[in-house]
Amino acid sequence: MTPLDTGHLITILTATFFLVASYVILFNAFLPPSGVYALDVLAQDTHYKYFTLFIIPMGAYFVIANWVGWQYYQNS
């Protein structure tokens, strides 16, 4: 068995984030409280739960868009 490399770690963290975000945004209305304080606070909030969960993909988009813009600038 090979050791856990960076690609596997990113995949595991992405899947974990997707499951947590899905619970907080979608499934919390149909399930009872989980008992985990951070998840319950995010699930009961009506505004900041979206900000907290969307800041990661929006940050990734910002980094990628800036990198592409920098490449255009360097190669023009």
Protein backbone atom coordinates (compact mmCIF):
# COMPACT_ATOMS: atom_id res chain seq x y z
CA MET A 1 0.00 0.00 0.00
CA THR A 2 1.36 3.41 -0.96
CA PRO A 3 1.49 6.29 1.50
CA LEU A 4 -1.16 8.99 1.34
CA ASP A 5 0.02 11.60 -1.14
CA THR A 6 -1.18 15.13 -1.76
CA GLY A 7 -3.75 14.16 -4.41
CA HIS A 8 -5.47 11.67 -2.12
CA LEU A 9 -5.46 14.17 0.73
CA ILE A 10 -7.06 16.88 -1.43
CA THR A 11 -9.69 14.42 -2.65
CA ILE A 12 -10.55 13.31 0.89
CA LEU A 13 -10.76 16.89 2.17
CA THR A 14 -12.93 17.91 -0.79
CA ALA A 15 -15.34 15.03 -0.23
CA THR A 16 -15.49 15.81 3.49
CA PHE A 17 -16.18 19.49 2.79
CA PHE A 18 -18.91 18.54 0.29
CA LEU A 19 -20.62 16.26 2.81
CA VAL A 20 -20.49 18.84 5.61
CA ALA A 21 -21.72 21.61 3.31
CA SER A 22 -24.52 19.39 2.00
CA TYR A 23 -25.66 18.63 5.53
CA VAL A 24 -25.56 22.26 6.64
CA ILE A 25 -27.33 23.68 3.58
CA LEU A 26 -29.68 20.91 2.43
CA PHE A 27 -30.20 18.04 4.83
CA ASN A 28 -30.44 19.88 8.16
CA ALA A 29 -34.11 20.70 7.51
CA PHE A 30 -34.99 17.00 7.32
CA LEU A 31 -32.72 15.60 10.05
CA PRO A 32 -32.59 16.21 13.80
CA PRO A 33 -29.74 18.27 15.27
CA SER A 34 -26.42 16.46 15.02
CA GLY A 35 -25.09 17.32 18.47
CA VAL A 36 -21.93 18.87 17.01
CA TYR A 37 -21.94 22.51 18.10
CA ALA A 38 -20.34 24.02 14.96
CA LEU A 39 -22.64 22.11 12.59
CA ASP A 40 -25.76 22.99 14.59
CA VAL A 41 -24.85 26.69 14.71
CA LEU A 42 -24.28 26.78 10.94
CA ALA A 43 -27.45 24.78 10.28
CA GLN A 44 -29.64 27.16 12.34
CA ASP A 45 -28.16 30.31 10.81
CA THR A 46 -30.00 31.76 7.83
CA HIS A 47 -27.38 34.09 6.37
CA TYR A 48 -23.78 33.40 7.32
CA LYS A 49 -23.88 29.66 6.66
CA TYR A 50 -23.74 30.42 2.95
CA PHE A 51 -20.85 32.85 3.39
CA THR A 52 -18.91 30.36 5.47
CA LEU A 53 -19.35 27.55 2.97
CA PHE A 54 -18.95 29.54 -0.26
CA ILE A 55 -15.78 31.37 0.78
CA ILE A 56 -13.63 28.33 -0.10
CA PRO A 57 -14.81 27.87 -3.72
CA MET A 58 -14.90 31.64 -4.29
CA GLY A 59 -11.37 31.93 -2.92
CA ALA A 60 -10.22 29.20 -5.31
CA TYR A 61 -11.93 31.01 -8.20
CA PHE A 62 -10.21 34.26 -7.21
CA VAL A 63 -6.79 32.59 -7.15
CA ILE A 64 -7.31 30.88 -10.51
CA ALA A 65 -8.67 34.04 -12.18
CA ASN A 66 -5.72 36.07 -10.91
CA TRP A 67 -3.25 33.45 -12.11
CA VAL A 68 -4.82 33.40 -15.60
CA GLY A 69 -4.78 37.20 -15.71
CA TRP A 70 -1.13 37.25 -14.68
CA GLN A 71 -0.30 34.74 -17.44
CA TYR A 72 -2.03 36.96 -20.01
CA TYR A 73 -0.10 39.97 -18.73
CA GLN A 74 3.26 38.20 -18.83
CA ASN A 75 2.75 36.80 -22.32
CA SER A 76 1.37 39.93 -23.98
